[in-house]
Amino acid sequence: MATPTENTYVGDGITTLYSFTFPYIEPEDVKVSVNDVNLVRTTEYIFANATTIEFLVAPITGAA
């Protein structure tokens, strides 16, 4: 079984694009959360490309 990989960022209220550095098989394999609340793909974020998540609204300043 693979060990989960995590990339953590802190929101600044402006940035909407965040890259990640791990391989995945399906987009559903990538879990995105802000302050431990899981987000919904297509309504709260999208894949800008194969290794970048784009938030539809920038995470607030200090959000993890």
Protein backbone atom coordinates (compact mmCIF):
# COMPACT_ATOMS: atom_id res chain seq x y z
CA MET A 1 0.00 0.00 0.00
CA ALA A 2 1.30 3.44 -0.91
CA THR A 3 2.08 6.01 1.73
CA PRO A 4 -0.01 9.18 1.30
CA THR A 5 1.90 12.27 0.21
CA GLU A 6 0.82 15.69 1.38
CA ASN A 7 1.62 19.21 0.21
CA THR A 8 0.62 21.93 2.66
CA TYR A 9 0.35 25.64 1.93
CA VAL A 10 -0.86 28.70 3.83
CA GLY A 11 -3.42 30.92 2.10
CA ASP A 12 -2.78 34.60 1.49
CA GLY A 13 -6.24 35.62 0.31
CA ILE A 14 -4.95 36.17 -3.24
CA THR A 15 -3.25 33.02 -4.57
CA THR A 16 -5.54 30.53 -6.29
CA LEU A 17 -3.00 28.20 -7.95
CA TYR A 18 -1.18 25.59 -5.85
CA SER A 19 1.05 22.88 -7.29
CA PHE A 20 1.50 19.41 -5.88
CA THR A 21 4.34 16.97 -6.33
CA PHE A 22 2.90 13.48 -6.22
CA PRO A 23 1.58 11.10 -8.88
CA TYR A 24 -2.04 9.97 -8.92
CA ILE A 25 -4.14 7.67 -11.07
CA GLU A 26 -7.50 9.46 -11.06
CA PRO A 27 -8.37 13.06 -10.07
CA GLU A 28 -10.59 11.57 -7.35
CA ASP A 29 -7.42 10.24 -5.70
CA VAL A 30 -6.36 13.83 -4.89
CA LYS A 31 -7.96 15.19 -1.72
CA VAL A 32 -8.10 18.97 -1.24
CA SER A 33 -8.98 20.67 2.03
CA VAL A 34 -8.80 24.06 3.68
CA ASN A 35 -8.50 24.16 7.48
CA ASP A 36 -9.33 20.42 7.59
CA VAL A 37 -12.57 20.84 5.61
CA ASN A 38 -12.63 18.70 2.46
CA LEU A 39 -13.51 20.63 -0.69
CA VAL A 40 -15.60 19.58 -3.68
CA ARG A 41 -13.97 19.39 -7.10
CA THR A 42 -15.64 21.55 -9.78
CA THR A 43 -17.56 23.69 -7.26
CA GLU A 44 -14.66 24.79 -5.03
CA TYR A 45 -11.55 23.87 -7.03
CA ILE A 46 -10.50 22.50 -10.40
CA PHE A 47 -7.36 21.01 -11.89
CA ALA A 48 -5.59 23.80 -13.77
CA ASN A 49 -3.29 21.10 -15.17
CA ALA A 50 -2.03 17.67 -14.11
CA THR A 51 -0.06 19.02 -11.12
CA THR A 52 -1.85 22.23 -10.15
CA ILE A 53 -5.05 22.83 -8.19
CA GLU A 54 -6.93 26.07 -8.85
CA PHE A 55 -9.24 27.31 -6.12
CA LEU A 56 -12.30 29.12 -7.46
CA VAL A 57 -12.00 31.46 -4.45
CA ALA A 58 -8.58 32.07 -2.90
CA PRO A 59 -8.17 30.59 0.58
CA ILE A 60 -8.23 33.32 3.23
CA THR A 61 -5.04 34.60 4.79
CA GLY A 62 -3.65 32.07 7.25
CA ALA A 63 -5.82 29.15 6.06
CA ALA A 64 -3.94 25.86 5.89
